[in-house]
Amino acid sequence: MGKRKKRQLPEVGTIFGRTYKKHGDVKRRIFELKVVKLGNGIGYEFEGNVFRSPSAAAKSLLHCSVNGWVFWKIDESGKSVRKNSRR
């Protein structure tokens, strides 16, 4: 089994966008996750709340456990897999 690469954290100020259709919505909406400074580390701001991980932010939207790195499409280098991420 190969050695697992250490994931790099995204830079403060990076915004990850994700389209998703919440239960009860008529059409898909774009949700944004912003990387913010939090004490000695970073946090993830979503809909006015700051979370300690992308997974916690995704869980607040989906109401179930989810891999936030996959949901928000954040790769191993801390960059967005999608071309429309903003800085």
C-alpha atoms as a PDB file:
ATOM      1  CA  MET A   1       0.000   0.000   0.000  1.00  0.00           C
ATOM      2  CA  GLY A   2       1.411   3.442  -1.000  1.00  0.00           C
ATOM      3  CA  LYS A   3       2.105   6.293   1.343  1.00  0.00           C
ATOM      4  CA  ARG A   4      -0.756   8.780   1.507  1.00  0.00           C
ATOM      5  CA  LYS A   5      -0.006  12.353   0.428  1.00  0.00           C
ATOM      6  CA  LYS A   6      -0.511  15.075   3.013  1.00  0.00           C
ATOM      7  CA  ARG A   7      -3.324  17.396   1.987  1.00  0.00           C
ATOM      8  CA  GLN A   8      -2.421  21.073   1.636  1.00  0.00           C
ATOM      9  CA  LEU A   9      -4.860  23.532   3.155  1.00  0.00           C
ATOM     10  CA  PRO A  10      -6.381  26.169   0.870  1.00  0.00           C
ATOM     11  CA  GLU A  11      -5.210  29.778   1.152  1.00  0.00           C
ATOM     12  CA  VAL A  12      -7.209  32.293   3.198  1.00  0.00           C
ATOM     13  CA  GLY A  13      -9.562  34.188   0.884  1.00  0.00           C
ATOM     14  CA  THR A  14     -10.168  31.298  -1.518  1.00  0.00           C
ATOM     15  CA  ILE A  15     -13.837  30.776  -2.384  1.00  0.00           C
ATOM     16  CA  PHE A  16     -15.185  27.412  -3.519  1.00  0.00           C
ATOM     17  CA  GLY A  17     -18.521  27.390  -5.325  1.00  0.00           C
ATOM     18  CA  ARG A  18     -20.880  24.417  -5.537  1.00  0.00           C
ATOM     19  CA  THR A  19     -24.236  24.129  -7.279  1.00  0.00           C
ATOM     20  CA  TYR A  20     -26.769  22.097  -5.364  1.00  0.00           C
ATOM     21  CA  LYS A  21     -30.547  21.713  -5.250  1.00  0.00           C
ATOM     22  CA  LYS A  22     -31.737  21.735  -1.639  1.00  0.00           C
ATOM     23  CA  HIS A  23     -34.839  19.755  -0.744  1.00  0.00           C
ATOM     24  CA  GLY A  24     -37.867  21.911  -1.508  1.00  0.00           C
ATOM     25  CA  ASP A  25     -36.050  24.297  -3.857  1.00  0.00           C
ATOM     26  CA  VAL A  26     -37.368  24.639  -7.382  1.00  0.00           C
ATOM     27  CA  LYS A  27     -33.960  25.076  -8.999  1.00  0.00           C
ATOM     28  CA  ARG A  28     -30.270  24.641  -8.242  1.00  0.00           C
ATOM     29  CA  ARG A  29     -28.446  27.366  -6.350  1.00  0.00           C
ATOM     30  CA  ILE A  30     -24.773  28.214  -6.047  1.00  0.00           C
ATOM     31  CA  PHE A  31     -23.423  27.836  -2.527  1.00  0.00           C
ATOM     32  CA  GLU A  32     -20.077  29.374  -1.595  1.00  0.00           C
ATOM     33  CA  LEU A  33     -17.509  28.237   0.937  1.00  0.00           C
ATOM     34  CA  LYS A  34     -14.925  30.890   1.861  1.00  0.00           C
ATOM     35  CA  VAL A  35     -11.618  30.120   3.573  1.00  0.00           C
ATOM     36  CA  VAL A  36     -11.069  32.518   6.512  1.00  0.00           C
ATOM     37  CA  LYS A  37      -8.433  33.002   9.203  1.00  0.00           C
ATOM     38  CA  LEU A  38      -9.471  31.368  12.477  1.00  0.00           C
ATOM     39  CA  GLY A  39      -7.112  31.759  15.438  1.00  0.00           C
ATOM     40  CA  ASN A  40      -3.821  30.086  14.504  1.00  0.00           C
ATOM     41  CA  GLY A  41      -5.343  28.200  11.574  1.00  0.00           C
ATOM     42  CA  ILE A  42      -8.107  28.498   9.021  1.00  0.00           C
ATOM     43  CA  GLY A  43     -11.864  28.130   9.077  1.00  0.00           C
ATOM     44  CA  TYR A  44     -14.506  27.695   6.428  1.00  0.00           C
ATOM     45  CA  GLU A  45     -17.306  30.280   6.278  1.00  0.00           C
ATOM     46  CA  PHE A  46     -20.625  29.111   4.888  1.00  0.00           C
ATOM     47  CA  GLU A  47     -23.916  31.043   5.066  1.00  0.00           C
ATOM     48  CA  GLY A  48     -22.648  33.287   7.873  1.00  0.00           C
ATOM     49  CA  ASN A  49     -21.279  30.467  10.052  1.00  0.00           C
ATOM     50  CA  VAL A  50     -17.612  29.508  10.434  1.00  0.00           C
ATOM     51  CA  PHE A  51     -16.750  25.804  10.520  1.00  0.00           C
ATOM     52  CA  ARG A  52     -13.501  24.019  11.351  1.00  0.00           C
ATOM     53  CA  SER A  53     -13.660  21.796   8.260  1.00  0.00           C
ATOM     54  CA  PRO A  54     -15.217  21.674   4.787  1.00  0.00           C
ATOM     55  CA  SER A  55     -17.051  18.520   5.917  1.00  0.00           C
ATOM     56  CA  ALA A  56     -18.790  20.359   8.777  1.00  0.00           C
ATOM     57  CA  ALA A  57     -19.900  23.098   6.367  1.00  0.00           C
ATOM     58  CA  ALA A  58     -21.232  20.532   3.869  1.00  0.00           C
ATOM     59  CA  LYS A  59     -23.021  18.669   6.667  1.00  0.00           C
ATOM     60  CA  SER A  60     -24.864  21.877   7.623  1.00  0.00           C
ATOM     61  CA  LEU A  61     -26.234  22.030   4.071  1.00  0.00           C
ATOM     62  CA  LEU A  62     -26.961  18.332   3.499  1.00  0.00           C
ATOM     63  CA  HIS A  63     -27.947  17.332   7.068  1.00  0.00           C
ATOM     64  CA  CYS A  64     -25.894  14.139   6.802  1.00  0.00           C
ATOM     65  CA  SER A  65     -22.238  13.159   7.009  1.00  0.00           C
ATOM     66  CA  VAL A  66     -20.272  13.837   3.845  1.00  0.00           C
ATOM     67  CA  ASN A  67     -16.646  14.191   2.768  1.00  0.00           C
ATOM     68  CA  GLY A  68     -16.403  17.967   2.460  1.00  0.00           C
ATOM     69  CA  TRP A  69     -13.189  17.860   0.427  1.00  0.00           C
ATOM     70  CA  VAL A  70     -15.064  15.875  -2.226  1.00  0.00           C
ATOM     71  CA  PHE A  71     -18.346  17.827  -1.946  1.00  0.00           C
ATOM     72  CA  TRP A  72     -16.651  21.233  -2.364  1.00  0.00           C
ATOM     73  CA  LYS A  73     -14.254  19.734  -4.972  1.00  0.00           C
ATOM     74  CA  ILE A  74     -11.005  20.664  -3.184  1.00  0.00           C
ATOM     75  CA  ASP A  75      -7.984  18.739  -4.456  1.00  0.00           C
ATOM     76  CA  GLU A  76      -4.852  17.557  -2.583  1.00  0.00           C
ATOM     77  CA  SER A  77      -3.057  20.859  -3.266  1.00  0.00           C
ATOM     78  CA  GLY A  78      -5.857  22.955  -1.689  1.00  0.00           C
ATOM     79  CA  LYS A  79      -7.082  24.240  -5.043  1.00  0.00           C
ATOM     80  CA  SER A  80     -10.497  23.860  -6.623  1.00  0.00           C
ATOM     81  CA  VAL A  81     -11.019  21.017  -9.065  1.00  0.00           C
ATOM     82  CA  ARG A  82     -13.511  23.273 -10.844  1.00  0.00           C
ATOM     83  CA  LYS A  83     -12.370  26.007 -13.196  1.00  0.00           C
ATOM     84  CA  ASN A  84     -14.798  28.599 -11.802  1.00  0.00           C
ATOM     85  CA  SER A  85     -13.277  28.943  -8.307  1.00  0.00           C
ATOM     86  CA  ARG A  86     -12.445  32.501  -7.310  1.00  0.00           C
ATOM     87  CA  ARG A  87      -9.700  34.117  -5.269  1.00  0.00           C
END
